[in-house]
Amino acid sequence: SSCINDITAMQEMLERQQDLKLHALVLKNEEATKERIGTEFEKRL
């Protein structure tokens, strides 16, 4: 029940940091397939 809340809270906390420029992608529930996570690891990170 709280996993989406966890990642949202972490993203929002990082967005408030003035010394960081966040380039983020969020994958939730059915978007978070093993294949998609692997692709985004390479593509985004």
ModelCIF file with pLDDT and N, C-alpha, C, O atoms, coordinates in Angstrom:
data_MODEL
#
_entry.id   MODEL 
#
_entity.id                         1 
_entity.type                       polymer 
_entity.pdbx_number_of_molecules   1 
#
_entity_poly.entity_id                      1 
_entity_poly.type                           'polypeptide(L)' 
_entity_poly.nstd_linkage                   no 
_entity_poly.nstd_monomer                   no 
_entity_poly.pdbx_seq_one_letter_code       SSCINDITAMQEMLERQQDLKLHALVLKNEEATKERIGTEFEKRL 
_entity_poly.pdbx_seq_one_letter_code_can   SSCINDITAMQEMLERQQDLKLHALVLKNEEATKERIGTEFEKRL 
_entity_poly.pdbx_strand_id                 A 
#
loop_
_entity_poly_seq.entity_id 
_entity_poly_seq.num 
_entity_poly_seq.mon_id 
_entity_poly_seq.hetero 
1 1  SER n 
1 2  SER n 
1 3  CYS n 
1 4  ILE n 
1 5  ASN n 
1 6  ASP n 
1 7  ILE n 
1 8  THR n 
1 9  ALA n 
1 10 MET n 
1 11 GLN n 
1 12 GLU n 
1 13 MET n 
1 14 LEU n 
1 15 GLU n 
1 16 ARG n 
1 17 GLN n 
1 18 GLN n 
1 19 ASP n 
1 20 LEU n 
1 21 LYS n 
1 22 LEU n 
1 23 HIS n 
1 24 ALA n 
1 25 LEU n 
1 26 VAL n 
1 27 LEU n 
1 28 LYS n 
1 29 ASN n 
1 30 GLU n 
1 31 GLU n 
1 32 ALA n 
1 33 THR n 
1 34 LYS n 
1 35 GLU n 
1 36 ARG n 
1 37 ILE n 
1 38 GLY n 
1 39 THR n 
1 40 GLU n 
1 41 PHE n 
1 42 GLU n 
1 43 LYS n 
1 44 ARG n 
1 45 LEU n 
#
_struct_asym.id          A 
_struct_asym.entity_id   1 
#
loop_
_ma_qa_metric.id 
_ma_qa_metric.mode 
_ma_qa_metric.name 
_ma_qa_metric.software_group_id 
_ma_qa_metric.type 
1 global pLDDT . pLDDT 
2 local  pLDDT . pLDDT 
#
_ma_qa_metric_global.metric_id      1 
_ma_qa_metric_global.metric_value   94.87 
_ma_qa_metric_global.model_id       1 
_ma_qa_metric_global.ordinal_id     1 
#
loop_
_ma_qa_metric_local.label_asym_id 
_ma_qa_metric_local.label_comp_id 
_ma_qa_metric_local.label_seq_id 
_ma_qa_metric_local.metric_id 
_ma_qa_metric_local.metric_value 
_ma_qa_metric_local.model_id 
_ma_qa_metric_local.ordinal_id 
A SER 1  2 92.00 1 1  
A SER 2  2 95.00 1 2  
A CYS 3  2 96.00 1 3  
A ILE 4  2 97.00 1 4  
A ASN 5  2 97.00 1 5  
A ASP 6  2 97.00 1 6  
A ILE 7  2 97.00 1 7  
A THR 8  2 97.00 1 8  
A ALA 9  2 98.00 1 9  
A MET 10 2 97.00 1 10 
A GLN 11 2 98.00 1 11 
A GLU 12 2 97.00 1 12 
A MET 13 2 97.00 1 13 
A LEU 14 2 97.00 1 14 
A GLU 15 2 96.00 1 15 
A ARG 16 2 96.00 1 16 
A GLN 17 2 95.00 1 17 
A GLN 18 2 94.00 1 18 
A ASP 19 2 95.00 1 19 
A LEU 20 2 96.00 1 20 
A LYS 21 2 96.00 1 21 
A LEU 22 2 97.00 1 22 
A HIS 23 2 97.00 1 23 
A ALA 24 2 96.00 1 24 
A LEU 25 2 97.00 1 25 
A VAL 26 2 98.00 1 26 
A LEU 27 2 97.00 1 27 
A LYS 28 2 98.00 1 28 
A ASN 29 2 96.00 1 29 
A GLU 30 2 95.00 1 30 
A GLU 31 2 96.00 1 31 
A ALA 32 2 95.00 1 32 
A THR 33 2 92.00 1 33 
A LYS 34 2 88.00 1 34 
A GLU 35 2 93.00 1 35 
A ARG 36 2 95.00 1 36 
A ILE 37 2 93.00 1 37 
A GLY 38 2 91.00 1 38 
A THR 39 2 93.00 1 39 
A GLU 40 2 94.00 1 40 
A PHE 41 2 88.00 1 41 
A GLU 42 2 89.00 1 42 
A LYS 43 2 91.00 1 43 
A ARG 44 2 89.00 1 44 
A LEU 45 2 91.00 1 45 
#
loop_
_atom_site.group_PDB 
_atom_site.id 
_atom_site.type_symbol 
_atom_site.label_atom_id 
_atom_site.label_alt_id 
_atom_site.label_comp_id 
_atom_site.label_asym_id 
_atom_site.label_entity_id 
_atom_site.label_seq_id 
_atom_site.pdbx_PDB_ins_code 
_atom_site.Cartn_x 
_atom_site.Cartn_y 
_atom_site.Cartn_z 
_atom_site.occupancy 
_atom_site.B_iso_or_equiv 
_atom_site.pdbx_formal_charge 
_atom_site.auth_seq_id 
_atom_site.auth_comp_id 
_atom_site.auth_asym_id 
_atom_site.auth_atom_id 
_atom_site.pdbx_PDB_model_num 
ATOM 1   N N  . SER A 1 1  ? 0.791  -1.233 0.000   1.00 92.00 ? 1  SER A N  1 
ATOM 2   C CA . SER A 1 1  ? 0.000  0.000  0.000   1.00 92.00 ? 1  SER A CA 1 
ATOM 3   C C  . SER A 1 1  ? 0.826  1.287  0.000   1.00 92.00 ? 1  SER A C  1 
ATOM 4   O O  . SER A 1 1  ? 0.262  2.361  -0.210  1.00 92.00 ? 1  SER A O  1 
ATOM 5   N N  . SER A 1 2  ? 2.124  1.219  0.225   1.00 95.00 ? 2  SER A N  1 
ATOM 6   C CA . SER A 1 2  ? 2.880  2.459  0.386   1.00 95.00 ? 2  SER A CA 1 
ATOM 7   C C  . SER A 1 2  ? 4.031  2.645  -0.584  1.00 95.00 ? 2  SER A C  1 
ATOM 8   O O  . SER A 1 2  ? 4.762  3.629  -0.474  1.00 95.00 ? 2  SER A O  1 
ATOM 9   N N  . CYS A 1 3  ? 4.217  1.742  -1.524  1.00 96.00 ? 3  CYS A N  1 
ATOM 10  C CA . CYS A 1 3  ? 5.389  1.815  -2.407  1.00 96.00 ? 3  CYS A CA 1 
ATOM 11  C C  . CYS A 1 3  ? 5.349  3.029  -3.325  1.00 96.00 ? 3  CYS A C  1 
ATOM 12  O O  . CYS A 1 3  ? 6.370  3.684  -3.529  1.00 96.00 ? 3  CYS A O  1 
ATOM 13  N N  . ILE A 1 4  ? 4.189  3.331  -3.875  1.00 97.00 ? 4  ILE A N  1 
ATOM 14  C CA . ILE A 1 4  ? 4.056  4.511  -4.731  1.00 97.00 ? 4  ILE A CA 1 
ATOM 15  C C  . ILE A 1 4  ? 4.303  5.770  -3.893  1.00 97.00 ? 4  ILE A C  1 
ATOM 16  O O  . ILE A 1 4  ? 4.951  6.711  -4.351  1.00 97.00 ? 4  ILE A O  1 
ATOM 17  N N  . ASN A 1 5  ? 3.783  5.778  -2.669  1.00 97.00 ? 5  ASN A N  1 
ATOM 18  C CA . ASN A 1 5  ? 4.027  6.908  -1.768  1.00 97.00 ? 5  ASN A CA 1 
ATOM 19  C C  . ASN A 1 5  ? 5.520  7.068  -1.473  1.00 97.00 ? 5  ASN A C  1 
ATOM 20  O O  . ASN A 1 5  ? 6.019  8.190  -1.393  1.00 97.00 ? 5  ASN A O  1 
ATOM 21  N N  . ASP A 1 6  ? 6.232  5.953  -1.312  1.00 97.00 ? 6  ASP A N  1 
ATOM 22  C CA . ASP A 1 6  ? 7.675  6.004  -1.026  1.00 97.00 ? 6  ASP A CA 1 
ATOM 23  C C  . ASP A 1 6  ? 8.434  6.686  -2.152  1.00 97.00 ? 6  ASP A C  1 
ATOM 24  O O  . ASP A 1 6  ? 9.222  7.599  -1.906  1.00 97.00 ? 6  ASP A O  1 
ATOM 25  N N  . ILE A 1 7  ? 8.204  6.250  -3.385  1.00 97.00 ? 7  ILE A N  1 
ATOM 26  C CA . ILE A 1 7  ? 8.979  6.834  -4.488  1.00 97.00 ? 7  ILE A CA 1 
ATOM 27  C C  . ILE A 1 7  ? 8.579  8.280  -4.746  1.00 97.00 ? 7  ILE A C  1 
ATOM 28  O O  . ILE A 1 7  ? 9.414  9.093  -5.141  1.00 97.00 ? 7  ILE A O  1 
ATOM 29  N N  . THR A 1 8  ? 7.312  8.604  -4.526  1.00 97.00 ? 8  THR A N  1 
ATOM 30  C CA . THR A 1 8  ? 6.855  9.989  -4.696  1.00 97.00 ? 8  THR A CA 1 
ATOM 31  C C  . THR A 1 8  ? 7.522  10.901 -3.662  1.00 97.00 ? 8  THR A C  1 
ATOM 32  O O  . THR A 1 8  ? 7.970  11.998 -3.996  1.00 97.00 ? 8  THR A O  1 
ATOM 33  N N  . ALA A 1 9  ? 7.586  10.451 -2.426  1.00 98.00 ? 9  ALA A N  1 
ATOM 34  C CA . ALA A 1 9  ? 8.214  11.245 -1.360  1.00 98.00 ? 9  ALA A CA 1 
ATOM 35  C C  . ALA A 1 9  ? 9.700  11.461 -1.641  1.00 98.00 ? 9  ALA A C  1 
ATOM 36  O O  . ALA A 1 9  ? 10.220 12.558 -1.437  1.00 98.00 ? 9  ALA A O  1 
ATOM 37  N N  . MET A 1 10 ? 10.376 10.423 -2.103  1.00 97.00 ? 10 MET A N  1 
ATOM 38  C CA . MET A 1 10 ? 11.807 10.553 -2.402  1.00 97.00 ? 10 MET A CA 1 
ATOM 39  C C  . MET A 1 10 ? 12.031 11.510 -3.575  1.00 97.00 ? 10 MET A C  1 
ATOM 40  O O  . MET A 1 10 ? 12.924 12.355 -3.525  1.00 97.00 ? 10 MET A O  1 
ATOM 41  N N  . GLN A 1 11 ? 11.233 11.380 -4.614  1.00 98.00 ? 11 GLN A N  1 
ATOM 42  C CA . GLN A 1 11 ? 11.363 12.272 -5.765  1.00 98.00 ? 11 GLN A CA 1 
ATOM 43  C C  . GLN A 1 11 ? 11.108 13.723 -5.351  1.00 98.00 ? 11 GLN A C  1 
ATOM 44  O O  . GLN A 1 11 ? 11.876 14.611 -5.720  1.00 98.00 ? 11 GLN A O  1 
ATOM 45  N N  . GLU A 1 12 ? 10.056 13.969 -4.602  1.00 97.00 ? 12 GLU A N  1 
ATOM 46  C CA . GLU A 1 12 ? 9.729  15.332 -4.173  1.00 97.00 ? 12 GLU A CA 1 
ATOM 47  C C  . GLU A 1 12 ? 10.822 15.919 -3.291  1.00 97.00 ? 12 GLU A C  1 
ATOM 48  O O  . GLU A 1 12 ? 11.128 17.107 -3.400  1.00 97.00 ? 12 GLU A O  1 
ATOM 49  N N  . MET A 1 13 ? 11.413 15.111 -2.424  1.00 97.00 ? 13 MET A N  1 
ATOM 50  C CA . MET A 1 13 ? 12.486 15.594 -1.561  1.00 97.00 ? 13 MET A CA 1 
ATOM 51  C C  . MET A 1 13 ? 13.699 16.006 -2.399  1.00 97.00 ? 13 MET A C  1 
ATOM 52  O O  . MET A 1 13 ? 14.312 17.042 -2.140  1.00 97.00 ? 13 MET A O  1 
ATOM 53  N N  . LEU A 1 14 ? 14.039 15.204 -3.387  1.00 97.00 ? 14 LEU A N  1 
ATOM 54  C CA . LEU A 1 14 ? 15.182 15.537 -4.244  1.00 97.00 ? 14 LEU A CA 1 
ATOM 55  C C  . LEU A 1 14 ? 14.901 16.762 -5.112  1.00 97.00 ? 14 LEU A C  1 
ATOM 56  O O  . LEU A 1 14 ? 15.806 17.556 -5.367  1.00 97.00 ? 14 LEU A O  1 
ATOM 57  N N  . GLU A 1 15 ? 13.670 16.922 -5.562  1.00 96.00 ? 15 GLU A N  1 
ATOM 58  C CA . GLU A 1 15 ? 13.301 18.087 -6.376  1.00 96.00 ? 15 GLU A CA 1 
ATOM 59  C C  . GLU A 1 15 ? 13.440 19.392 -5.591  1.00 96.00 ? 15 GLU A C  1 
ATOM 60  O O  . GLU A 1 15 ? 13.659 20.447 -6.186  1.00 96.00 ? 15 GLU A O  1 
ATOM 61  N N  . ARG A 1 16 ? 13.317 19.332 -4.270  1.00 96.00 ? 16 ARG A N  1 
ATOM 62  C CA . ARG A 1 16 ? 13.428 20.533 -3.431  1.00 96.00 ? 16 ARG A CA 1 
ATOM 63  C C  . ARG A 1 16 ? 14.884 20.948 -3.186  1.00 96.00 ? 16 ARG A C  1 
ATOM 64  O O  . ARG A 1 16 ? 15.143 22.058 -2.720  1.00 96.00 ? 16 ARG A O  1 
ATOM 65  N N  . GLN A 1 17 ? 15.826 20.063 -3.496  1.00 95.00 ? 17 GLN A N  1 
ATOM 66  C CA . GLN A 1 17 ? 17.235 20.354 -3.244  1.00 95.00 ? 17 GLN A CA 1 
ATOM 67  C C  . GLN A 1 17 ? 17.757 21.313 -4.309  1.00 95.00 ? 17 GLN A C  1 
ATOM 68  O O  . GLN A 1 17 ? 17.838 20.951 -5.483  1.00 95.00 ? 17 GLN A O  1 
ATOM 69  N N  . GLN A 1 18 ? 18.109 22.520 -3.912  1.00 94.00 ? 18 GLN A N  1 
ATOM 70  C CA . GLN A 1 18 ? 18.536 23.542 -4.859  1.00 94.00 ? 18 GLN A CA 1 
ATOM 71  C C  . GLN A 1 18 ? 19.902 23.252 -5.487  1.00 94.00 ? 18 GLN A C  1 
ATOM 72  O O  . GLN A 1 18 ? 20.232 23.808 -6.534  1.00 94.00 ? 18 GLN A O  1 
ATOM 73  N N  . ASP A 1 19 ? 20.683 22.398 -4.862  1.00 95.00 ? 19 ASP A N  1 
ATOM 74  C CA . ASP A 1 19 ? 22.006 22.098 -5.411  1.00 95.00 ? 19 ASP A CA 1 
ATOM 75  C C  . ASP A 1 19 ? 22.000 20.873 -6.335  1.00 95.00 ? 19 ASP A C  1 
ATOM 76  O O  . ASP A 1 19 ? 23.054 20.401 -6.761  1.00 95.00 ? 19 ASP A O  1 
ATOM 77  N N  . LEU A 1 20 ? 20.788 20.363 -6.640  1.00 96.00 ? 20 LEU A N  1 
ATOM 78  C CA . LEU A 1 20 ? 20.653 19.211 -7.531  1.00 96.00 ? 20 LEU A CA 1 
ATOM 79  C C  . LEU A 1 20 ? 19.792 19.558 -8.733  1.00 96.00 ? 20 LEU A C  1 
ATOM 80  O O  . LEU A 1 20 ? 18.843 20.334 -8.623  1.00 96.00 ? 20 LEU A O  1 
ATOM 81  N N  . LYS A 1 21 ? 20.124 18.987 -9.871  1.00 96.00 ? 21 LYS A N  1 
ATOM 82  C CA . LYS A 1 21 ? 19.268 19.059 -11.055 1.00 96.00 ? 21 LYS A CA 1 
ATOM 83  C C  . LYS A 1 21 ? 18.837 17.623 -11.330 1.00 96.00 ? 21 LYS A C  1 
ATOM 84  O O  . LYS A 1 21 ? 19.631 16.797 -11.780 1.00 96.00 ? 21 LYS A O  1 
ATOM 85  N N  . LEU A 1 22 ? 17.565 17.343 -11.052 1.00 97.00 ? 22 LEU A N  1 
ATOM 86  C CA . LEU A 1 22 ? 17.044 15.987 -11.122 1.00 97.00 ? 22 LEU A CA 1 
ATOM 87  C C  . LEU A 1 22 ? 16.512 15.681 -12.521 1.00 97.00 ? 22 LEU A C  1 
ATOM 88  O O  . LEU A 1 22 ? 15.682 16.412 -13.062 1.00 97.00 ? 22 LEU A O  1 
ATOM 89  N N  . HIS A 1 23 ? 17.008 14.590 -13.087 1.00 97.00 ? 23 HIS A N  1 
ATOM 90  C CA . HIS A 1 23 ? 16.531 14.051 -14.366 1.00 97.00 ? 23 HIS A CA 1 
ATOM 91  C C  . HIS A 1 23 ? 15.916 12.697 -14.006 1.00 97.00 ? 23 HIS A C  1 
ATOM 92  O O  . HIS A 1 23 ? 16.626 11.695 -13.914 1.00 97.00 ? 23 HIS A O  1 
ATOM 93  N N  . ALA A 1 24 ? 14.607 12.669 -13.806 1.00 96.00 ? 24 ALA A N  1 
ATOM 94  C CA . ALA A 1 24 ? 13.980 11.481 -13.223 1.00 96.00 ? 24 ALA A CA 1 
ATOM 95  C C  . ALA A 1 24 ? 12.955 10.847 -14.147 1.00 96.00 ? 24 ALA A C  1 
ATOM 96  O O  . ALA A 1 24 ? 12.296 11.517 -14.942 1.00 96.00 ? 24 ALA A O  1 
ATOM 97  N N  . LEU A 1 25 ? 12.844 9.537  -14.015 1.00 97.00 ? 25 LEU A N  1 
ATOM 98  C CA . LEU A 1 25 ? 11.767 8.771  -14.630 1.00 97.00 ? 25 LEU A CA 1 
ATOM 99  C C  . LEU A 1 25 ? 11.136 7.951  -13.527 1.00 97.00 ? 25 LEU A C  1 
ATOM 100 O O  . LEU A 1 25 ? 11.835 7.365  -12.700 1.00 97.00 ? 25 LEU A O  1 
ATOM 101 N N  . VAL A 1 26 ? 9.802  7.908  -13.513 1.00 98.00 ? 26 VAL A N  1 
ATOM 102 C CA . VAL A 1 26 ? 9.054  7.154  -12.514 1.00 98.00 ? 26 VAL A CA 1 
ATOM 103 C C  . VAL A 1 26 ? 8.288  6.045  -13.215 1.00 98.00 ? 26 VAL A C  1 
ATOM 104 O O  . VAL A 1 26 ? 7.555  6.291  -14.173 1.00 98.00 ? 26 VAL A O  1 
ATOM 105 N N  . LEU A 1 27 ? 8.463  4.822  -12.729 1.00 97.00 ? 27 LEU A N  1 
ATOM 106 C CA . LEU A 1 27 ? 7.701  3.681  -13.225 1.00 97.00 ? 27 LEU A CA 1 
ATOM 107 C C  . LEU A 1 27 ? 6.869  3.133  -12.070 1.00 97.00 ? 27 LEU A C  1 
ATOM 108 O O  . LEU A 1 27 ? 7.391  2.829  -10.997 1.00 97.00 ? 27 LEU A O  1 
ATOM 109 N N  . LYS A 1 28 ? 5.566  3.016  -12.312 1.00 98.00 ? 28 LYS A N  1 
ATOM 110 C CA . LYS A 1 28 ? 4.648  2.541  -11.277 1.00 98.00 ? 28 LYS A CA 1 
ATOM 111 C C  . LYS A 1 28 ? 3.913  1.290  -11.750 1.00 98.00 ? 28 LYS A C  1 
ATOM 112 O O  . LYS A 1 28 ? 3.518  1.173  -12.910 1.00 98.00 ? 28 LYS A O  1 
ATOM 113 N N  . ASN A 1 29 ? 3.747  0.374  -10.825 1.00 96.00 ? 29 ASN A N  1 
ATOM 114 C CA . ASN A 1 29 ? 2.954  -0.836 -11.031 1.00 96.00 ? 29 ASN A CA 1 
ATOM 115 C C  . ASN A 1 29 ? 3.244  -1.514 -12.362 1.00 96.00 ? 29 ASN A C  1 
ATOM 116 O O  . ASN A 1 29 ? 4.375  -1.943 -12.592 1.00 96.00 ? 29 ASN A O  1 
ATOM 117 N N  . GLU A 1 30 ? 2.260  -1.621 -13.243 1.00 95.00 ? 30 GLU A N  1 
ATOM 118 C CA . GLU A 1 30 ? 2.410  -2.389 -14.486 1.00 95.00 ? 30 GLU A CA 1 
ATOM 119 C C  . GLU A 1 30 ? 3.441  -1.799 -15.445 1.00 95.00 ? 30 GLU A C  1 
ATOM 120 O O  . GLU A 1 30 ? 3.895  -2.497 -16.351 1.00 95.00 ? 30 GLU A O  1 
ATOM 121 N N  . GLU A 1 31 ? 3.820  -0.543 -15.272 1.00 96.00 ? 31 GLU A N  1 
ATOM 122 C CA . GLU A 1 31 ? 4.882  0.057  -16.099 1.00 96.00 ? 31 GLU A CA 1 
ATOM 123 C C  . GLU A 1 31 ? 6.251  -0.538 -15.763 1.00 96.00 ? 31 GLU A C  1 
ATOM 124 O O  . GLU A 1 31 ? 7.169  -0.503 -16.583 1.00 96.00 ? 31 GLU A O  1 
ATOM 125 N N  . ALA A 1 32 ? 6.379  -1.076 -14.566 1.00 95.00 ? 32 ALA A N  1 
ATOM 126 C CA . ALA A 1 32 ? 7.677  -1.510 -14.030 1.00 95.00 ? 32 ALA A CA 1 
ATOM 127 C C  . ALA A 1 32 ? 7.955  -2.973 -14.348 1.00 95.00 ? 32 ALA A C  1 
ATOM 128 O O  . ALA A 1 32 ? 8.103  -3.793 -13.441 1.00 95.00 ? 32 ALA A O  1 
ATOM 129 N N  . THR A 1 33 ? 8.027  -3.299 -15.633 1.00 92.00 ? 33 THR A N  1 
ATOM 130 C CA . THR A 1 33 ? 8.399  -4.654 -16.021 1.00 92.00 ? 33 THR A CA 1 
ATOM 131 C C  . THR A 1 33 ? 9.912  -4.808 -15.939 1.00 92.00 ? 33 THR A C  1 
ATOM 132 O O  . THR A 1 33 ? 10.645 -3.819 -15.961 1.00 92.00 ? 33 THR A O  1 
ATOM 133 N N  . LYS A 1 34 ? 10.373 -6.039 -15.847 1.00 88.00 ? 34 LYS A N  1 
ATOM 134 C CA . LYS A 1 34 ? 11.809 -6.291 -15.809 1.00 88.00 ? 34 LYS A CA 1 
ATOM 135 C C  . LYS A 1 34 ? 12.476 -5.739 -17.065 1.00 88.00 ? 34 LYS A C  1 
ATOM 136 O O  . LYS A 1 34 ? 13.552 -5.145 -16.995 1.00 88.00 ? 34 LYS A O  1 
ATOM 137 N N  . GLU A 1 35 ? 11.834 -5.938 -18.209 1.00 93.00 ? 35 GLU A N  1 
ATOM 138 C CA . GLU A 1 35 ? 12.390 -5.443 -19.473 1.00 93.00 ? 35 GLU A CA 1 
ATOM 139 C C  . GLU A 1 35 ? 12.485 -3.916 -19.482 1.00 93.00 ? 35 GLU A C  1 
ATOM 140 O O  . GLU A 1 35 ? 13.507 -3.359 -19.884 1.00 93.00 ? 35 GLU A O  1 
ATOM 141 N N  . ARG A 1 36 ? 11.426 -3.243 -19.042 1.00 95.00 ? 36 ARG A N  1 
ATOM 142 C CA . ARG A 1 36 ? 11.420 -1.773 -19.055 1.00 95.00 ? 36 ARG A CA 1 
ATOM 143 C C  . ARG A 1 36 ? 12.451 -1.208 -18.088 1.00 95.00 ? 36 ARG A C  1 
ATOM 144 O O  . ARG A 1 36 ? 13.145 -0.241 -18.403 1.00 95.00 ? 36 ARG A O  1 
ATOM 145 N N  . ILE A 1 37 ? 12.546 -1.812 -16.918 1.00 93.00 ? 37 ILE A N  1 
ATOM 146 C CA . ILE A 1 37 ? 13.539 -1.346 -15.943 1.00 93.00 ? 37 ILE A CA 1 
ATOM 147 C C  . ILE A 1 37 ? 14.942 -1.493 -16.520 1.00 93.00 ? 37 ILE A C  1 
ATOM 148 O O  . ILE A 1 37 ? 15.757 -0.578 -16.403 1.00 93.00 ? 37 ILE A O  1 
ATOM 149 N N  . GLY A 1 38 ? 15.231 -2.632 -17.141 1.00 91.00 ? 38 GLY A N  1 
ATOM 150 C CA . GLY A 1 38 ? 16.542 -2.841 -17.753 1.00 91.00 ? 38 GLY A CA 1 
ATOM 151 C C  . GLY A 1 38 ? 16.833 -1.838 -18.847 1.00 91.00 ? 38 GLY A C  1 
ATOM 152 O O  . GLY A 1 38 ? 17.940 -1.307 -18.933 1.00 91.00 ? 38 GLY A O  1 
ATOM 153 N N  . THR A 1 39 ? 15.829 -1.575 -19.695 1.00 93.00 ? 39 THR A N  1 
ATOM 154 C CA . THR A 1 39 ? 15.984 -0.598 -20.775 1.00 93.00 ? 39 THR A CA 1 
ATOM 155 C C  . THR A 1 39 ? 16.261 0.786  -20.223 1.00 93.00 ? 39 THR A C  1 
ATOM 156 O O  . THR A 1 39 ? 17.153 1.479  -20.711 1.00 93.00 ? 39 THR A O  1 
ATOM 157 N N  . GLU A 1 40 ? 15.511 1.199  -19.214 1.00 94.00 ? 40 GLU A N  1 
ATOM 158 C CA . GLU A 1 40 ? 15.670 2.533  -18.646 1.00 94.00 ? 40 GLU A CA 1 
ATOM 159 C C  . GLU A 1 40 ? 16.970 2.674  -17.862 1.00 94.00 ? 40 GLU A C  1 
ATOM 160 O O  . GLU A 1 40 ? 17.536 3.764  -17.789 1.00 94.00 ? 40 GLU A O  1 
ATOM 161 N N  . PHE A 1 41 ? 17.446 1.576  -17.277 1.00 88.00 ? 41 PHE A N  1 
ATOM 162 C CA . PHE A 1 41 ? 18.754 1.609  -16.622 1.00 88.00 ? 41 PHE A CA 1 
ATOM 163 C C  . PHE A 1 41 ? 19.788 2.095  -17.613 1.00 88.00 ? 41 PHE A C  1 
ATOM 164 O O  . PHE A 1 41 ? 20.563 3.006  -17.324 1.00 88.00 ? 41 PHE A O  1 
ATOM 165 N N  . GLU A 1 42 ? 19.796 1.477  -18.790 1.00 89.00 ? 42 GLU A N  1 
ATOM 166 C CA . GLU A 1 42 ? 20.796 1.831  -19.788 1.00 89.00 ? 42 GLU A CA 1 
ATOM 167 C C  . GLU A 1 42 ? 20.495 3.184  -20.431 1.00 89.00 ? 42 GLU A C  1 
ATOM 168 O O  . GLU A 1 42 ? 21.388 4.018  -20.583 1.00 89.00 ? 42 GLU A O  1 
ATOM 169 N N  . LYS A 1 43 ? 19.238 3.396  -20.807 1.00 91.00 ? 43 LYS A N  1 
ATOM 170 C CA . LYS A 1 43 ? 18.845 4.609  -21.530 1.00 91.00 ? 43 LYS A CA 1 
ATOM 171 C C  . LYS A 1 43 ? 18.955 5.863  -20.670 1.00 91.00 ? 43 LYS A C  1 
ATOM 172 O O  . LYS A 1 43 ? 19.565 6.845  -21.091 1.00 91.00 ? 43 LYS A O  1 
ATOM 173 N N  . ARG A 1 44 ? 18.389 5.845  -19.503 1.00 89.00 ? 44 ARG A N  1 
ATOM 174 C CA . ARG A 1 44 ? 18.336 7.041  -18.661 1.00 89.00 ? 44 ARG A CA 1 
ATOM 175 C C  . ARG A 1 44 ? 19.577 7.171  -17.784 1.00 89.00 ? 44 ARG A C  1 
ATOM 176 O O  . ARG A 1 44 ? 20.245 8.205  -17.790 1.00 89.00 ? 44 ARG A O  1 
ATOM 177 N N  . LEU A 1 45 ? 19.875 6.130  -17.040 1.00 91.00 ? 45 LEU A N  1 
ATOM 178 C CA . LEU A 1 45 ? 21.000 6.223  -16.113 1.00 91.00 ? 45 LEU A CA 1 
ATOM 179 C C  . LEU A 1 45 ? 22.328 6.255  -16.858 1.00 91.00 ? 45 LEU A C  1 
ATOM 180 O O  . LEU A 1 45 ? 23.385 6.332  -16.232 1.00 91.00 ? 45 LEU A O  1 
#
